[in-house]
Amino acid sequence: MVLDAAAATLARQPGSVDRLVRLAAADMGGVDRLITDRMQSDVPVIPALAEHLIAAGGKRLRPLLTVAAARLSGSGQEGSGNDHCLKLAAAVEFIHTATLLHDDVVDGSQLRRGKVAAHLIWGAAQSVLVGDFLFARAFELMVETDSMRALQILAQASRVIAEGEVLQLMRSHDLNLSQAVYLEIIAAKTAELFAAAAEAGAVSAGVDAEKSKALRDYGMSLGLAFQLADDALDYGGATETLGKNAGDDFREGKATLPLLLAIARSGPREAEFWERAIGRREQTEADFRRARELIIGTGALDATLDLAAEYADKAKAALSIFPANDWRESLESLADFAVSRRA
């Protein structure tokens, strides 16, 4: 069956995030306490709306990266509770959550992390404004670390993410989008925060420029691998895996790499289908199934996952500057995990 083939494709690589989660458990407990404390406000809707998304679960990969990068770089003692890296990790999670709140309003998303999107409960205006509140909290946390370099890294990341989102919005239904521009978009909107999270952790540990750049390179490649696999999962995965509805990218008309490759590899007979379903977004109930069959049948899903695996390998190679230890091995396993999530 077509779906069986997709599942097999998505399961090609081993990898796990569990080892890193266990290793960073004490630190992440401190990060979670900071998050809970700093999302409080005298305006009741702010903590209620923020908690709806933050408490929905997930691995907190980006703050995990900040903690792991700091520890790999030799910072402090795990679980000490007062490291600058913990405040930077909490800031990273607030930035990420703020972008999710904003994105869901722009995209009209129905689900986020398996729960009803916040804007459908509280409204678009309040979701956007709570996102702004979380951005402000993130910058307060950064300032408390007294690190201008960390502030610069995360401020730049916030700008780049916004630019990436605007670029995606401008080109989201463009069937002629090149792979290079697509990679530029996901580097900005997704991978930049992975890169900044890792680099900020390294900077908090006081490592030299070579090692902080290596961790930035790791984060960038990891983020690209993660987003490519996510885009593939939208066509080859299940709602339970995604935390959103499978096929959301298709229904929103997003020109992701699996779609772009399938369009390029389709014949004239399919050109009108793609133009109607994506270009004009005149979709029927059966269109997603047909699109998925074309994406898998043309090899576009495999090609997307192959590229994700290449970036995962680049991420692991970037860590070679560090001595082998539990932190490095856990980050290497995380890179494999990025492309091994099950359908």
C-alpha atoms as a PDB file:
ATOM      1  CA  MET A   1       0.000   0.000   0.000  1.00  0.00           C
ATOM      2  CA  VAL A   2       1.076   3.589  -0.579  1.00  0.00           C
ATOM      3  CA  LEU A   3       0.777   4.505   3.108  1.00  0.00           C
ATOM      4  CA  ASP A   4       2.800   1.449   4.145  1.00  0.00           C
ATOM      5  CA  ALA A   5       5.575   2.626   1.840  1.00  0.00           C
ATOM      6  CA  ALA A   6       5.455   6.081   3.406  1.00  0.00           C
ATOM      7  CA  ALA A   7       5.689   4.611   6.895  1.00  0.00           C
ATOM      8  CA  ALA A   8       8.712   2.555   5.881  1.00  0.00           C
ATOM      9  CA  THR A   9      10.357   5.631   4.379  1.00  0.00           C
ATOM     10  CA  LEU A  10       9.852   7.665   7.528  1.00  0.00           C
ATOM     11  CA  ALA A  11      11.312   4.891   9.699  1.00  0.00           C
ATOM     12  CA  ARG A  12      14.638   4.473   7.911  1.00  0.00           C
ATOM     13  CA  GLN A  13      16.958   6.069  10.475  1.00  0.00           C
ATOM     14  CA  PRO A  14      17.472   5.187  14.166  1.00  0.00           C
ATOM     15  CA  GLY A  15      17.461   7.964  16.725  1.00  0.00           C
ATOM     16  CA  SER A  16      15.984   9.080  19.997  1.00  0.00           C
ATOM     17  CA  VAL A  17      15.540  12.231  22.038  1.00  0.00           C
ATOM     18  CA  ASP A  18      14.998  10.244  25.247  1.00  0.00           C
ATOM     19  CA  ARG A  19      18.654  10.090  26.247  1.00  0.00           C
ATOM     20  CA  LEU A  20      19.025  13.859  26.041  1.00  0.00           C
ATOM     21  CA  VAL A  21      15.768  14.360  27.949  1.00  0.00           C
ATOM     22  CA  ARG A  22      17.049  12.137  30.778  1.00  0.00           C
ATOM     23  CA  LEU A  23      20.465  13.775  30.803  1.00  0.00           C
ATOM     24  CA  ALA A  24      19.008  17.271  31.011  1.00  0.00           C
ATOM     25  CA  ALA A  25      16.129  16.422  33.373  1.00  0.00           C
ATOM     26  CA  ALA A  26      17.421  18.403  36.361  1.00  0.00           C
ATOM     27  CA  ASP A  27      18.247  21.428  34.226  1.00  0.00           C
ATOM     28  CA  MET A  28      14.926  21.312  32.414  1.00  0.00           C
ATOM     29  CA  GLY A  29      13.155  21.200  35.752  1.00  0.00           C
ATOM     30  CA  GLY A  30      14.761  24.559  36.457  1.00  0.00           C
ATOM     31  CA  VAL A  31      13.775  25.844  33.017  1.00  0.00           C
ATOM     32  CA  ASP A  32      10.175  24.731  33.550  1.00  0.00           C
ATOM     33  CA  ARG A  33      10.034  26.557  36.885  1.00  0.00           C
ATOM     34  CA  LEU A  34      11.293  29.726  35.215  1.00  0.00           C
ATOM     35  CA  ILE A  35       8.715  29.360  32.441  1.00  0.00           C
ATOM     36  CA  THR A  36       5.874  28.877  34.926  1.00  0.00           C
ATOM     37  CA  ASP A  37       6.998  31.851  37.000  1.00  0.00           C
ATOM     38  CA  ARG A  38       7.588  34.255  34.117  1.00  0.00           C
ATOM     39  CA  MET A  39       4.372  33.599  32.207  1.00  0.00           C
ATOM     40  CA  GLN A  40       2.348  34.869  35.183  1.00  0.00           C
ATOM     41  CA  SER A  41       0.541  38.199  34.946  1.00  0.00           C
ATOM     42  CA  ASP A  42      -2.096  40.194  36.787  1.00  0.00           C
ATOM     43  CA  VAL A  43      -4.129  40.014  33.578  1.00  0.00           C
ATOM     44  CA  PRO A  44      -5.711  36.535  33.927  1.00  0.00           C
ATOM     45  CA  VAL A  45      -6.066  35.735  30.228  1.00  0.00           C
ATOM     46  CA  ILE A  46      -2.286  35.955  29.721  1.00  0.00           C
ATOM     47  CA  PRO A  47      -1.218  32.980  31.887  1.00  0.00           C
ATOM     48  CA  ALA A  48      -4.344  31.026  30.877  1.00  0.00           C
ATOM     49  CA  LEU A  49      -3.661  31.376  27.172  1.00  0.00           C
ATOM     50  CA  ALA A  50       0.097  30.876  27.519  1.00  0.00           C
ATOM     51  CA  GLU A  51      -0.358  27.759  29.639  1.00  0.00           C
ATOM     52  CA  HIS A  52      -2.786  26.315  27.072  1.00  0.00           C
ATOM     53  CA  LEU A  53       0.102  26.053  24.615  1.00  0.00           C
ATOM     54  CA  ILE A  54       3.141  25.718  26.885  1.00  0.00           C
ATOM     55  CA  ALA A  55       1.575  22.987  29.033  1.00  0.00           C
ATOM     56  CA  ALA A  56       0.423  21.034  25.968  1.00  0.00           C
ATOM     57  CA  GLY A  57       3.609  18.977  26.092  1.00  0.00           C
ATOM     58  CA  GLY A  58       6.322  18.406  23.551  1.00  0.00           C
ATOM     59  CA  LYS A  59      10.007  17.736  24.091  1.00  0.00           C
ATOM     60  CA  ARG A  60      11.019  21.414  24.389  1.00  0.00           C
ATOM     61  CA  LEU A  61      13.773  20.724  21.861  1.00  0.00           C
ATOM     62  CA  ARG A  62      14.967  24.301  21.543  1.00  0.00           C
ATOM     63  CA  PRO A  63      15.558  24.973  25.259  1.00  0.00           C
ATOM     64  CA  LEU A  64      17.013  21.463  25.484  1.00  0.00           C
ATOM     65  CA  LEU A  65      19.540  22.558  22.871  1.00  0.00           C
ATOM     66  CA  THR A  66      20.503  25.602  24.934  1.00  0.00           C
ATOM     67  CA  VAL A  67      21.084  23.501  28.036  1.00  0.00           C
ATOM     68  CA  ALA A  68      22.916  20.732  26.166  1.00  0.00           C
ATOM     69  CA  ALA A  69      25.156  23.195  24.312  1.00  0.00           C
ATOM     70  CA  ALA A  70      26.111  24.844  27.588  1.00  0.00           C
ATOM     71  CA  ARG A  71      26.854  21.516  29.274  1.00  0.00           C
ATOM     72  CA  LEU A  72      28.783  20.175  26.275  1.00  0.00           C
ATOM     73  CA  SER A  73      30.816  23.391  26.421  1.00  0.00           C
ATOM     74  CA  GLY A  74      31.665  22.741  30.067  1.00  0.00           C
ATOM     75  CA  SER A  75      29.251  25.063  31.861  1.00  0.00           C
ATOM     76  CA  GLY A  76      28.504  24.527  35.532  1.00  0.00           C
ATOM     77  CA  GLN A  77      26.830  21.639  37.247  1.00  0.00           C
ATOM     78  CA  GLU A  78      23.614  20.102  35.983  1.00  0.00           C
ATOM     79  CA  GLY A  79      20.583  21.143  37.993  1.00  0.00           C
ATOM     80  CA  SER A  80      22.315  23.977  39.831  1.00  0.00           C
ATOM     81  CA  GLY A  81      19.245  26.115  39.145  1.00  0.00           C
ATOM     82  CA  ASN A  82      21.008  29.470  38.774  1.00  0.00           C
ATOM     83  CA  ASP A  83      22.877  29.106  35.488  1.00  0.00           C
ATOM     84  CA  HIS A  84      22.513  31.773  32.864  1.00  0.00           C
ATOM     85  CA  CYS A  85      21.868  28.972  30.390  1.00  0.00           C
ATOM     86  CA  LEU A  86      18.589  28.156  32.160  1.00  0.00           C
ATOM     87  CA  LYS A  87      17.321  31.713  31.710  1.00  0.00           C
ATOM     88  CA  LEU A  88      18.381  31.679  28.075  1.00  0.00           C
ATOM     89  CA  ALA A  89      16.651  28.314  27.604  1.00  0.00           C
ATOM     90  CA  ALA A  90      13.415  29.723  29.059  1.00  0.00           C
ATOM     91  CA  ALA A  91      13.766  32.766  26.791  1.00  0.00           C
ATOM     92  CA  VAL A  92      14.139  30.471  23.787  1.00  0.00           C
ATOM     93  CA  GLU A  93      10.945  28.612  24.706  1.00  0.00           C
ATOM     94  CA  PHE A  94       9.053  31.900  25.077  1.00  0.00           C
ATOM     95  CA  ILE A  95      10.263  33.072  21.664  1.00  0.00           C
ATOM     96  CA  HIS A  96       9.202  29.778  20.125  1.00  0.00           C
ATOM     97  CA  THR A  97       5.784  29.842  21.797  1.00  0.00           C
ATOM     98  CA  ALA A  98       5.204  33.441  20.724  1.00  0.00           C
ATOM     99  CA  THR A  99       5.942  32.568  17.100  1.00  0.00           C
ATOM    100  CA  LEU A 100       3.545  29.615  17.288  1.00  0.00           C
ATOM    101  CA  LEU A 101       0.748  31.823  18.594  1.00  0.00           C
ATOM    102  CA  HIS A 102       1.336  34.309  15.793  1.00  0.00           C
ATOM    103  CA  ASP A 103       1.710  31.625  13.109  1.00  0.00           C
ATOM    104  CA  ASP A 104      -1.538  29.907  14.043  1.00  0.00           C
ATOM    105  CA  VAL A 105      -3.435  33.163  13.619  1.00  0.00           C
ATOM    106  CA  VAL A 106      -1.813  33.844  10.239  1.00  0.00           C
ATOM    107  CA  ASP A 107      -2.338  30.264   9.002  1.00  0.00           C
ATOM    108  CA  GLY A 108      -5.788  29.774  10.534  1.00  0.00           C
ATOM    109  CA  SER A 109      -4.556  26.520  12.100  1.00  0.00           C
ATOM    110  CA  GLN A 110      -7.085  24.328  13.899  1.00  0.00           C
ATOM    111  CA  LEU A 111      -4.720  22.296  16.094  1.00  0.00           C
ATOM    112  CA  ARG A 112      -1.434  22.937  17.855  1.00  0.00           C
ATOM    113  CA  ARG A 113       0.376  20.206  19.820  1.00  0.00           C
ATOM    114  CA  GLY A 114      -2.762  18.108  19.609  1.00  0.00           C
ATOM    115  CA  LYS A 115      -4.969  20.764  21.218  1.00  0.00           C
ATOM    116  CA  VAL A 116      -7.396  23.291  19.785  1.00  0.00           C
ATOM    117  CA  ALA A 117      -5.393  26.310  18.600  1.00  0.00           C
ATOM    118  CA  ALA A 118      -5.489  29.170  21.113  1.00  0.00           C
ATOM    119  CA  HIS A 119      -6.932  31.698  18.673  1.00  0.00           C
ATOM    120  CA  LEU A 120     -10.046  29.534  18.275  1.00  0.00           C
ATOM    121  CA  ILE A 121     -10.671  29.764  22.040  1.00  0.00           C
ATOM    122  CA  TRP A 122      -9.571  33.300  22.952  1.00  0.00           C
ATOM    123  CA  GLY A 123      -9.640  34.993  19.541  1.00  0.00           C
ATOM    124  CA  ALA A 124      -6.926  36.184  17.169  1.00  0.00           C
ATOM    125  CA  ALA A 125      -6.297  39.528  18.862  1.00  0.00           C
ATOM    126  CA  GLN A 126      -5.644  38.075  22.301  1.00  0.00           C
ATOM    127  CA  SER A 127      -3.435  35.306  20.869  1.00  0.00           C
ATOM    128  CA  VAL A 128      -1.258  37.841  19.073  1.00  0.00           C
ATOM    129  CA  LEU A 129      -0.994  40.081  22.130  1.00  0.00           C
ATOM    130  CA  VAL A 130      -0.100  37.205  24.458  1.00  0.00           C
ATOM    131  CA  GLY A 131       2.564  36.263  21.912  1.00  0.00           C
ATOM    132  CA  ASP A 132       3.905  39.814  22.260  1.00  0.00           C
ATOM    133  CA  PHE A 133       3.889  39.416  26.059  1.00  0.00           C
ATOM    134  CA  LEU A 134       5.980  36.242  25.766  1.00  0.00           C
ATOM    135  CA  PHE A 135       8.464  38.002  23.471  1.00  0.00           C
ATOM    136  CA  ALA A 136       8.814  40.726  26.107  1.00  0.00           C
ATOM    137  CA  ARG A 137       9.351  38.147  28.870  1.00  0.00           C
ATOM    138  CA  ALA A 138      12.009  36.476  26.723  1.00  0.00           C
ATOM    139  CA  PHE A 139      13.966  39.709  26.438  1.00  0.00           C
ATOM    140  CA  GLU A 140      13.684  40.364  30.169  1.00  0.00           C
ATOM    141  CA  LEU A 141      15.253  36.958  30.798  1.00  0.00           C
ATOM    142  CA  MET A 142      18.050  37.662  28.315  1.00  0.00           C
ATOM    143  CA  VAL A 143      18.887  40.981  29.980  1.00  0.00           C
ATOM    144  CA  GLU A 144      19.144  39.243  33.365  1.00  0.00           C
ATOM    145  CA  THR A 145      22.058  37.137  32.076  1.00  0.00           C
ATOM    146  CA  ASP A 146      24.173  40.278  31.504  1.00  0.00           C
ATOM    147  CA  SER A 147      25.367  38.797  28.212  1.00  0.00           C
ATOM    148  CA  MET A 148      25.229  41.244  25.321  1.00  0.00           C
ATOM    149  CA  ARG A 149      26.359  38.473  22.990  1.00  0.00           C
ATOM    150  CA  ALA A 150      23.482  36.175  23.987  1.00  0.00           C
ATOM    151  CA  LEU A 151      21.063  39.089  23.671  1.00  0.00           C
ATOM    152  CA  GLN A 152      22.420  39.826  20.206  1.00  0.00           C
ATOM    153  CA  ILE A 153      22.081  36.175  19.134  1.00  0.00           C
ATOM    154  CA  LEU A 154      18.458  35.801  20.230  1.00  0.00           C
ATOM    155  CA  ALA A 155      17.403  39.288  19.114  1.00  0.00           C
ATOM    156  CA  GLN A 156      18.807  38.563  15.665  1.00  0.00           C
ATOM    157  CA  ALA A 157      17.024  35.216  15.625  1.00  0.00           C
ATOM    158  CA  SER A 158      13.701  36.928  16.432  1.00  0.00           C
ATOM    159  CA  ARG A 159      14.198  39.277  13.487  1.00  0.00           C
ATOM    160  CA  VAL A 160      15.220  36.498  11.093  1.00  0.00           C
ATOM    161  CA  ILE A 161      12.215  34.360  12.095  1.00  0.00           C
ATOM    162  CA  ALA A 162       9.852  37.263  11.358  1.00  0.00           C
ATOM    163  CA  GLU A 163      11.507  37.794   7.970  1.00  0.00           C
ATOM    164  CA  GLY A 164      11.154  34.097   7.188  1.00  0.00           C
ATOM    165  CA  GLU A 165       7.475  34.098   8.072  1.00  0.00           C
ATOM    166  CA  VAL A 166       6.803  37.112   5.859  1.00  0.00           C
ATOM    167  CA  LEU A 167       8.737  35.536   2.980  1.00  0.00           C
ATOM    168  CA  GLN A 168       6.777  32.311   3.371  1.00  0.00           C
ATOM    169  CA  LEU A 169       3.515  34.249   3.406  1.00  0.00           C
ATOM    170  CA  MET A 170       4.487  36.015   0.185  1.00  0.00           C
ATOM    171  CA  ARG A 171       5.492  32.792  -1.584  1.00  0.00           C
ATOM    172  CA  SER A 172       3.251  30.218   0.116  1.00  0.00           C
ATOM    173  CA  HIS A 173       1.132  29.385  -2.961  1.00  0.00           C
ATOM    174  CA  ASP A 174       3.922  29.797  -5.529  1.00  0.00           C
ATOM    175  CA  LEU A 175       4.110  26.581  -7.558  1.00  0.00           C
ATOM    176  CA  ASN A 176       7.340  27.819  -9.157  1.00  0.00           C
ATOM    177  CA  LEU A 177       9.163  28.235  -5.852  1.00  0.00           C
ATOM    178  CA  SER A 178      12.723  26.943  -6.191  1.00  0.00           C
ATOM    179  CA  GLN A 179      14.283  24.515  -3.737  1.00  0.00           C
ATOM    180  CA  ALA A 180      16.871  27.171  -2.882  1.00  0.00           C
ATOM    181  CA  VAL A 181      14.220  29.718  -1.864  1.00  0.00           C
ATOM    182  CA  TYR A 182      12.296  27.045   0.048  1.00  0.00           C
ATOM    183  CA  LEU A 183      15.448  26.219   2.028  1.00  0.00           C
ATOM    184  CA  GLU A 184      15.998  29.935   2.646  1.00  0.00           C
ATOM    185  CA  ILE A 185      12.485  30.160   4.098  1.00  0.00           C
ATOM    186  CA  ILE A 186      12.811  27.199   6.454  1.00  0.00           C
ATOM    187  CA  ALA A 187      16.325  28.230   7.475  1.00  0.00           C
ATOM    188  CA  ALA A 188      14.853  31.536   8.634  1.00  0.00           C
ATOM    189  CA  LYS A 189      11.504  30.476  10.090  1.00  0.00           C
ATOM    190  CA  THR A 190      12.596  27.236  11.774  1.00  0.00           C
ATOM    191  CA  ALA A 191      16.320  26.495  11.745  1.00  0.00           C
ATOM    192  CA  GLU A 192      17.430  29.946  12.916  1.00  0.00           C
ATOM    193  CA  LEU A 193      15.966  29.428  16.391  1.00  0.00           C
ATOM    194  CA  PHE A 194      17.581  25.978  16.663  1.00  0.00           C
ATOM    195  CA  ALA A 195      20.908  27.593  15.701  1.00  0.00           C
ATOM    196  CA  ALA A 196      20.476  30.527  18.075  1.00  0.00           C
ATOM    197  CA  ALA A 197      19.397  28.249  20.945  1.00  0.00           C
ATOM    198  CA  ALA A 198      22.563  26.177  20.627  1.00  0.00           C
ATOM    199  CA  GLU A 199      24.844  29.169  20.089  1.00  0.00           C
ATOM    200  CA  ALA A 200      23.402  31.036  23.067  1.00  0.00           C
ATOM    201  CA  GLY A 201      24.022  28.015  25.277  1.00  0.00           C
ATOM    202  CA  ALA A 202      27.617  27.853  24.091  1.00  0.00           C
ATOM    203  CA  VAL A 203      28.124  31.584  24.706  1.00  0.00           C
ATOM    204  CA  SER A 204      26.723  31.248  28.245  1.00  0.00           C
ATOM    205  CA  ALA A 205      29.505  28.724  28.907  1.00  0.00           C
ATOM    206  CA  GLY A 206      32.193  31.130  27.711  1.00  0.00           C
ATOM    207  CA  VAL A 207      33.631  28.908  24.972  1.00  0.00           C
ATOM    208  CA  ASP A 208      35.766  30.235  22.135  1.00  0.00           C
ATOM    209  CA  ALA A 209      34.346  31.415  18.811  1.00  0.00           C
ATOM    210  CA  GLU A 210      35.214  28.172  17.014  1.00  0.00           C
ATOM    211  CA  LYS A 211      33.173  26.031  19.381  1.00  0.00           C
ATOM    212  CA  SER A 212      30.233  28.419  19.563  1.00  0.00           C
ATOM    213  CA  LYS A 213      30.138  28.467  15.742  1.00  0.00           C
ATOM    214  CA  ALA A 214      30.248  24.654  15.677  1.00  0.00           C
ATOM    215  CA  LEU A 215      27.192  24.519  17.925  1.00  0.00           C
ATOM    216  CA  ARG A 216      25.431  27.151  15.820  1.00  0.00           C
ATOM    217  CA  ASP A 217      26.164  25.041  12.716  1.00  0.00           C
ATOM    218  CA  TYR A 218      24.831  21.973  14.523  1.00  0.00           C
ATOM    219  CA  GLY A 219      21.609  23.781  15.414  1.00  0.00           C
ATOM    220  CA  MET A 220      21.100  25.139  11.910  1.00  0.00           C
ATOM    221  CA  SER A 221      21.532  21.737  10.273  1.00  0.00           C
ATOM    222  CA  LEU A 222      19.369  20.088  12.933  1.00  0.00           C
ATOM    223  CA  GLY A 223      16.614  22.643  12.360  1.00  0.00           C
ATOM    224  CA  LEU A 224      16.680  22.101   8.600  1.00  0.00           C
ATOM    225  CA  ALA A 225      16.521  18.326   9.076  1.00  0.00           C
ATOM    226  CA  PHE A 226      13.659  18.693  11.536  1.00  0.00           C
ATOM    227  CA  GLN A 227      11.587  20.950   9.254  1.00  0.00           C
ATOM    228  CA  LEU A 228      12.166  18.806   6.164  1.00  0.00           C
ATOM    229  CA  ALA A 229      11.032  15.722   8.063  1.00  0.00           C
ATOM    230  CA  ASP A 230       8.030  17.663   9.402  1.00  0.00           C
ATOM    231  CA  ASP A 231       7.042  18.660   5.871  1.00  0.00           C
ATOM    232  CA  ALA A 232       7.322  15.036   4.792  1.00  0.00           C
ATOM    233  CA  LEU A 233       5.246  13.875   7.755  1.00  0.00           C
ATOM    234  CA  ASP A 234       2.413  16.158   6.673  1.00  0.00           C
ATOM    235  CA  TYR A 235       1.952  13.806   3.714  1.00  0.00           C
ATOM    236  CA  GLY A 236       3.201  10.541   5.186  1.00  0.00           C
ATOM    237  CA  GLY A 237       2.320  10.832   8.864  1.00  0.00           C
ATOM    238  CA  ALA A 238      -0.681  10.778  11.164  1.00  0.00           C
ATOM    239  CA  THR A 239      -2.383  13.463  13.216  1.00  0.00           C
ATOM    240  CA  GLU A 240      -1.189  11.801  16.453  1.00  0.00           C
ATOM    241  CA  THR A 241       2.430  12.114  15.332  1.00  0.00           C
ATOM    242  CA  LEU A 242       2.167  15.678  14.132  1.00  0.00           C
ATOM    243  CA  GLY A 243       0.150  17.342  16.875  1.00  0.00           C
ATOM    244  CA  LYS A 244      -1.813  18.959  14.062  1.00  0.00           C
ATOM    245  CA  ASN A 245      -4.070  17.626  11.339  1.00  0.00           C
ATOM    246  CA  ALA A 246      -2.254  15.563   8.700  1.00  0.00           C
ATOM    247  CA  GLY A 247      -2.589  17.405   5.411  1.00  0.00           C
ATOM    248  CA  ASP A 248      -2.764  20.881   6.957  1.00  0.00           C
ATOM    249  CA  ASP A 249       0.080  22.114   4.740  1.00  0.00           C
ATOM    250  CA  PHE A 250      -1.780  20.906   1.653  1.00  0.00           C
ATOM    251  CA  ARG A 251      -5.098  22.407   2.720  1.00  0.00           C
ATOM    252  CA  GLU A 252      -3.397  25.735   3.477  1.00  0.00           C
ATOM    253  CA  GLY A 253      -1.726  25.628   0.058  1.00  0.00           C
ATOM    254  CA  LYS A 254       1.807  25.723   1.474  1.00  0.00           C
ATOM    255  CA  ALA A 255       4.496  25.093  -1.104  1.00  0.00           C
ATOM    256  CA  THR A 256       6.702  22.729   0.917  1.00  0.00           C
ATOM    257  CA  LEU A 257       9.496  20.661  -0.606  1.00  0.00           C
ATOM    258  CA  PRO A 258       7.565  17.363  -0.996  1.00  0.00           C
ATOM    259  CA  LEU A 259       4.891  19.264  -2.906  1.00  0.00           C
ATOM    260  CA  LEU A 260       7.350  21.231  -5.042  1.00  0.00           C
ATOM    261  CA  LEU A 261       9.276  18.095  -6.001  1.00  0.00           C
ATOM    262  CA  ALA A 262       6.070  16.226  -6.849  1.00  0.00           C
ATOM    263  CA  ILE A 263       4.887  19.094  -9.057  1.00  0.00           C
ATOM    264  CA  ALA A 264       8.238  19.166 -10.868  1.00  0.00           C
ATOM    265  CA  ARG A 265       8.087  15.393 -11.404  1.00  0.00           C
ATOM    266  CA  SER A 266       4.416  15.251 -12.441  1.00  0.00           C
ATOM    267  CA  GLY A 267       3.300  15.190 -16.043  1.00  0.00           C
ATOM    268  CA  PRO A 268       0.965  17.553 -17.928  1.00  0.00           C
ATOM    269  CA  ARG A 269      -2.058  15.553 -16.768  1.00  0.00           C
ATOM    270  CA  GLU A 270      -1.419  16.579 -13.156  1.00  0.00           C
ATOM    271  CA  ALA A 271      -0.576  20.231 -13.878  1.00  0.00           C
ATOM    272  CA  GLU A 272      -4.208  21.347 -13.747  1.00  0.00           C
ATOM    273  CA  PHE A 273      -4.750  19.422 -10.497  1.00  0.00           C
ATOM    274  CA  TRP A 274      -1.861  21.221  -8.805  1.00  0.00           C
ATOM    275  CA  GLU A 275      -2.918  24.610 -10.151  1.00  0.00           C
ATOM    276  CA  ARG A 276      -6.502  24.129  -8.955  1.00  0.00           C
ATOM    277  CA  ALA A 277      -5.714  22.571  -5.568  1.00  0.00           C
ATOM    278  CA  ILE A 278      -2.689  24.676  -4.585  1.00  0.00           C
ATOM    279  CA  GLY A 279      -2.577  27.664  -6.913  1.00  0.00           C
ATOM    280  CA  ARG A 280      -6.288  28.513  -6.600  1.00  0.00           C
ATOM    281  CA  ARG A 281      -6.979  26.406  -3.455  1.00  0.00           C
ATOM    282  CA  GLU A 282     -10.165  25.014  -4.936  1.00  0.00           C
ATOM    283  CA  GLN A 283     -10.007  21.680  -3.126  1.00  0.00           C
ATOM    284  CA  THR A 284     -12.326  18.724  -2.775  1.00  0.00           C
ATOM    285  CA  GLU A 285     -12.333  16.090  -0.036  1.00  0.00           C
ATOM    286  CA  ALA A 286     -10.486  13.625  -2.283  1.00  0.00           C
ATOM    287  CA  ASP A 287      -7.680  16.000  -3.261  1.00  0.00           C
ATOM    288  CA  PHE A 288      -5.392  15.397  -0.296  1.00  0.00           C
ATOM    289  CA  ARG A 289      -5.372  11.652  -0.906  1.00  0.00           C
ATOM    290  CA  ARG A 290      -4.506  12.199  -4.560  1.00  0.00           C
ATOM    291  CA  ALA A 291      -1.762  14.665  -3.656  1.00  0.00           C
ATOM    292  CA  ARG A 292      -0.294  12.210  -1.145  1.00  0.00           C
ATOM    293  CA  GLU A 293      -0.288   9.417  -3.718  1.00  0.00           C
ATOM    294  CA  LEU A 294       1.504  11.661  -6.241  1.00  0.00           C
ATOM    295  CA  ILE A 295       4.041  12.847  -3.661  1.00  0.00           C
ATOM    296  CA  ILE A 296       4.876   9.304  -2.625  1.00  0.00           C
ATOM    297  CA  GLY A 297       4.617   7.850  -6.130  1.00  0.00           C
ATOM    298  CA  THR A 298       6.985  10.384  -7.698  1.00  0.00           C
ATOM    299  CA  GLY A 299       9.593   9.766  -5.013  1.00  0.00           C
ATOM    300  CA  ALA A 300       9.196  13.312  -3.661  1.00  0.00           C
ATOM    301  CA  LEU A 301       8.677  12.054  -0.106  1.00  0.00           C
ATOM    302  CA  ASP A 302      11.834   9.922  -0.232  1.00  0.00           C
ATOM    303  CA  ALA A 303      13.839  12.787  -1.753  1.00  0.00           C
ATOM    304  CA  THR A 304      12.732  15.154   1.017  1.00  0.00           C
ATOM    305  CA  LEU A 305      13.719  12.663   3.702  1.00  0.00           C
ATOM    306  CA  ASP A 306      17.046  11.977   1.986  1.00  0.00           C
ATOM    307  CA  LEU A 307      17.820  15.689   2.168  1.00  0.00           C
ATOM    308  CA  ALA A 308      16.749  15.734   5.827  1.00  0.00           C
ATOM    309  CA  ALA A 309      19.170  12.862   6.501  1.00  0.00           C
ATOM    310  CA  GLU A 310      21.989  14.808   4.796  1.00  0.00           C
ATOM    311  CA  TYR A 311      21.410  17.738   7.134  1.00  0.00           C
ATOM    312  CA  ALA A 312      21.284  15.395  10.130  1.00  0.00           C
ATOM    313  CA  ASP A 313      24.707  14.073   9.100  1.00  0.00           C
ATOM    314  CA  LYS A 314      26.012  17.656   8.811  1.00  0.00           C
ATOM    315  CA  ALA A 315      24.719  18.365  12.296  1.00  0.00           C
ATOM    316  CA  LYS A 316      26.581  15.393  13.736  1.00  0.00           C
ATOM    317  CA  ALA A 317      29.759  16.305  11.853  1.00  0.00           C
ATOM    318  CA  ALA A 318      29.694  19.786  13.387  1.00  0.00           C
ATOM    319  CA  LEU A 319      30.084  18.225  16.848  1.00  0.00           C
ATOM    320  CA  SER A 320      33.395  16.541  15.985  1.00  0.00           C
ATOM    321  CA  ILE A 321      35.282  19.462  17.540  1.00  0.00           C
ATOM    322  CA  PHE A 322      34.062  18.334  20.970  1.00  0.00           C
ATOM    323  CA  PRO A 323      35.342  15.299  22.894  1.00  0.00           C
ATOM    324  CA  ALA A 324      33.097  12.250  22.945  1.00  0.00           C
ATOM    325  CA  ASN A 325      30.883  12.218  26.028  1.00  0.00           C
ATOM    326  CA  ASP A 326      27.260  11.698  27.016  1.00  0.00           C
ATOM    327  CA  TRP A 327      26.202  15.185  25.932  1.00  0.00           C
ATOM    328  CA  ARG A 328      27.756  14.904  22.483  1.00  0.00           C
ATOM    329  CA  GLU A 329      26.367  11.414  21.914  1.00  0.00           C
ATOM    330  CA  SER A 330      22.901  12.558  23.001  1.00  0.00           C
ATOM    331  CA  LEU A 331      23.011  15.477  20.564  1.00  0.00           C
ATOM    332  CA  GLU A 332      24.109  13.113  17.791  1.00  0.00           C
ATOM    333  CA  SER A 333      21.162  10.863  18.602  1.00  0.00           C
ATOM    334  CA  LEU A 334      18.872  13.899  18.521  1.00  0.00           C
ATOM    335  CA  ALA A 335      19.997  14.603  14.951  1.00  0.00           C
ATOM    336  CA  ASP A 336      19.007  11.061  13.970  1.00  0.00           C
ATOM    337  CA  PHE A 337      15.706  11.469  15.817  1.00  0.00           C
ATOM    338  CA  ALA A 338      14.892  14.506  13.679  1.00  0.00           C
ATOM    339  CA  VAL A 339      14.475  12.233  10.654  1.00  0.00           C
ATOM    340  CA  SER A 340      13.248   9.072  12.381  1.00  0.00           C
ATOM    341  CA  ARG A 341       9.824  10.108  13.697  1.00  0.00           C
ATOM    342  CA  ARG A 342       7.248   7.491  12.852  1.00  0.00           C
ATOM    343  CA  ALA A 343       4.317   7.855  10.494  1.00  0.00           C
END
